[in-house]
Protein backbone atom coordinates (compact mmCIF):
# COMPACT_ATOMS: atom_id res chain seq x y z
CA MET A 1 99.19 113.13 157.00
CA THR A 2 98.99 110.31 159.82
CA ALA A 3 96.14 108.07 160.46
CA PRO A 4 94.15 108.60 163.69
CA PRO A 5 95.04 106.16 166.41
CA PRO A 6 92.81 103.12 166.51
CA VAL A 7 89.86 103.12 168.94
CA LEU A 8 90.49 100.53 171.85
CA TYR A 9 87.80 99.49 173.97
CA ALA A 10 89.84 98.36 176.68
CA ASP A 11 93.52 98.78 177.80
CA VAL A 12 96.59 96.68 178.04
CA SER A 13 96.50 96.59 181.93
CA ASP A 14 92.94 95.46 181.70
CA LEU A 15 93.95 92.69 179.07
CA ARG A 16 96.92 91.76 181.14
CA ALA A 17 94.50 91.28 184.30
CA VAL A 18 92.17 88.96 182.31
CA LEU A 19 95.18 86.82 180.98
CA ASP A 20 96.81 86.65 184.48
CA SER A 21 95.80 83.43 185.95
CA THR A 22 96.71 82.01 189.59
CA ASP A 23 100.42 81.45 188.63
CA ALA A 24 100.78 85.43 188.56
CA GLY A 25 101.24 85.33 184.74
CA THR A 26 103.93 82.73 184.54
CA GLY A 27 103.12 80.62 181.35
CA THR A 28 100.30 82.57 180.11
CA ALA A 29 99.80 85.20 177.41
CA ALA A 30 100.31 87.98 180.18
CA GLN A 31 104.00 87.69 179.48
CA LEU A 32 103.61 89.27 176.05
CA THR A 33 104.79 92.85 175.50
CA ASP A 34 102.46 95.64 175.89
CA LEU A 35 103.02 96.05 171.95
CA GLN A 36 101.73 92.51 171.27
CA LEU A 37 98.68 92.89 173.67
CA GLY A 38 97.89 96.25 172.14
CA LEU A 39 97.82 94.43 168.67
CA ALA A 40 95.52 91.98 170.16
CA LEU A 41 93.44 94.91 171.57
CA GLU A 42 93.43 96.75 168.12
CA ALA A 43 92.17 93.46 166.33
CA ALA A 44 89.55 92.62 168.94
CA SER A 45 88.33 96.43 168.92
CA ALA A 46 87.95 96.59 165.19
CA ARG A 47 86.16 93.25 165.16
CA PHE A 48 83.60 94.70 167.62
CA SER A 49 83.15 97.97 165.73
CA THR A 50 82.52 95.98 162.57
CA TYR A 51 79.89 93.84 164.01
CA ALA A 52 78.16 96.70 165.75
CA GLY A 53 78.19 98.85 162.64
CA THR A 54 79.74 101.83 164.39
CA VAL A 55 83.05 103.00 166.14
CA TYR A 56 82.31 104.13 169.70
CA ASP A 57 84.93 106.64 169.88
CA GLY A 58 83.78 108.54 173.02
CA SER A 59 83.51 111.99 170.98
CA SER A 60 80.27 112.59 172.53
CA PRO A 61 78.16 111.15 175.29
CA GLN A 62 76.19 108.95 172.46
CA ALA A 63 79.32 107.84 171.21
CA ALA A 64 80.60 106.48 174.50
CA PRO A 65 81.65 102.94 174.21
CA PRO A 66 79.08 100.59 176.21
CA VAL A 67 80.33 98.26 178.72
CA LEU A 68 79.61 95.30 176.33
CA ALA A 69 82.15 96.68 173.92
CA LYS A 70 84.89 96.34 176.73
CA THR A 71 83.99 92.89 177.86
CA VAL A 72 83.69 91.39 174.19
CA THR A 73 86.85 93.11 173.37
CA LEU A 74 88.58 91.65 176.32
CA ASP A 75 87.48 88.02 175.56
CA LEU A 76 88.39 88.46 171.77
CA ALA A 77 91.89 89.93 172.59
CA ALA A 78 92.62 87.39 175.30
CA TRP A 79 92.11 84.68 172.50
CA TRP A 80 94.41 86.67 170.12
CA ALA A 81 96.90 87.18 172.83
CA THR A 82 96.89 83.56 173.60
CA THR A 83 97.43 82.53 169.92
CA TYR A 84 100.41 84.87 169.65
CA TYR A 85 101.77 83.56 173.10
CA LEU A 86 101.28 79.65 171.92
CA LYS A 87 102.88 80.49 168.44
CA GLN A 88 99.88 79.28 166.63
CA LYS A 89 99.80 75.92 168.58
CA ASP A 90 96.41 74.43 169.02
CA MET A 91 94.55 75.38 172.17
CA PRO A 92 92.54 72.86 174.03
CA PRO A 93 88.79 73.18 173.20
CA ALA A 94 87.94 73.31 176.95
CA SER A 95 90.42 76.27 177.53
CA PRO A 96 88.65 79.12 179.28
CA VAL A 97 90.31 81.41 176.61
CA VAL A 98 88.58 79.33 173.75
CA LEU A 99 85.27 79.19 175.63
CA ARG A 100 85.18 82.89 176.19
CA TYR A 101 86.12 83.40 172.68
CA ALA A 102 83.19 81.51 171.39
CA GLU A 103 80.67 83.18 173.55
CA ALA A 104 81.95 86.60 172.37
CA VAL A 105 81.61 85.40 168.89
CA LYS A 106 77.99 84.43 169.50
CA VAL A 107 77.29 87.90 171.06
CA LEU A 108 78.98 89.51 167.89
CA GLU A 109 76.60 87.44 165.77
CA ASP A 110 73.73 88.58 168.03
CA ILE A 111 74.75 92.07 167.63
CA ARG A 112 74.98 91.89 163.82
CA ALA A 113 71.36 90.35 163.61
CA GLY A 114 69.74 92.81 165.77
CA ARG A 115 68.85 90.59 168.81
CA ILE A 116 71.53 92.47 171.22
CA GLN A 117 71.73 96.23 171.31
CA PRO A 118 75.30 97.21 172.59
CA GLY A 119 73.77 100.18 174.34
CA VAL A 120 73.89 103.82 173.26
CA GLY A 121 73.85 106.59 175.79
CA PRO A 122 75.98 108.57 178.27
CA PRO A 123 78.45 106.43 180.42
CA GLY A 124 76.45 104.94 183.41
CA SER A 125 73.09 105.14 181.61
CA GLN A 126 71.19 101.96 180.74
CA GLY A 127 70.40 101.69 176.94
CA THR A 128 66.55 101.43 176.64
CA VAL A 129 65.20 99.32 173.66
CA GLY A 130 61.48 98.82 173.29
CA GLY A 131 60.64 95.02 173.15
CA HIS A 132 57.59 92.65 172.75
CA VAL A 133 56.80 89.11 173.69
CA ILE A 134 56.49 86.75 170.76
CA ASN A 135 54.35 83.70 171.61
CA ARG A 136 54.76 81.28 168.85
CA ILE A 137 52.54 78.68 170.27
CA PRO A 138 49.14 79.09 168.78
CA ASN A 139 46.01 78.66 170.72
CA ILE A 140 44.87 75.46 169.20
CA PHE A 141 43.45 73.88 172.54
CA THR A 142 39.95 74.77 174.16
CA GLY A 143 38.35 73.34 177.24
CA ASP A 144 36.31 70.88 175.20
CA ASP A 145 39.57 69.19 174.07
CA SER A 146 40.36 68.20 177.67
CA ASN A 147 37.06 66.66 178.42
CA THR A 148 36.83 69.12 181.45
CA ALA A 149 34.25 71.28 182.88
CA PRO A 150 33.83 73.90 185.48
CA ASP A 151 34.10 72.70 188.86
CA MET A 152 30.61 71.87 190.01
CA GLY A 153 31.47 71.24 193.75
CA PRO A 154 33.20 68.25 195.75
CA SER A 155 30.19 65.97 195.17
CA ARG A 156 30.13 65.90 191.40
CA ARG A 157 32.38 64.18 188.82
CA LEU A 158 32.21 63.35 185.25
CA LEU A 159 31.87 59.69 184.02
CA ALA A 160 31.46 59.05 180.30
CA GLY A 161 30.31 62.51 179.66
CA GLU A 162 27.65 62.61 182.32
CA TRP A 163 27.96 64.48 185.85
CA LEU A 164 27.21 62.16 188.54
CA GLU A 165 26.96 62.56 192.27
CA TYR A 166 29.81 61.35 193.95
CA THR A 167 28.83 58.30 196.45
CA GLY A 168 32.16 57.23 197.38
């Protein structure tokens, strides 16, 4: 009995395109073999599935991978591929790969916490999630707090709590 192939939310050519920079791949993780890039994609896809709590295997329209799965997977896989390429050397904190990885991890945390819905539905459809606005600022002020009153016309003004005719 063999294990089913892993579900990948992106393919090697997509990852290679993400890794390819202006130097046509020279000196980047785009130089790695397809096997190495495939391993990075497996790790990233598994991470996305773990955080989402489901595997989007495409077996039905409802199980079609959302676009978010592909973009997050590519950002994570680019980081893993770059660590393979650099042979575990440090990456600069301002590296685009590090910044994209950090943003992908934030998205994963938001998925886990339920703040982001990865999207479920047939390809091309937009997921619909009901929402509501939360106003956390209580109504603590009234008109009396600002020492104002309704406008009584241009010739009136308030002075020391009394409305006076404007003479000036």
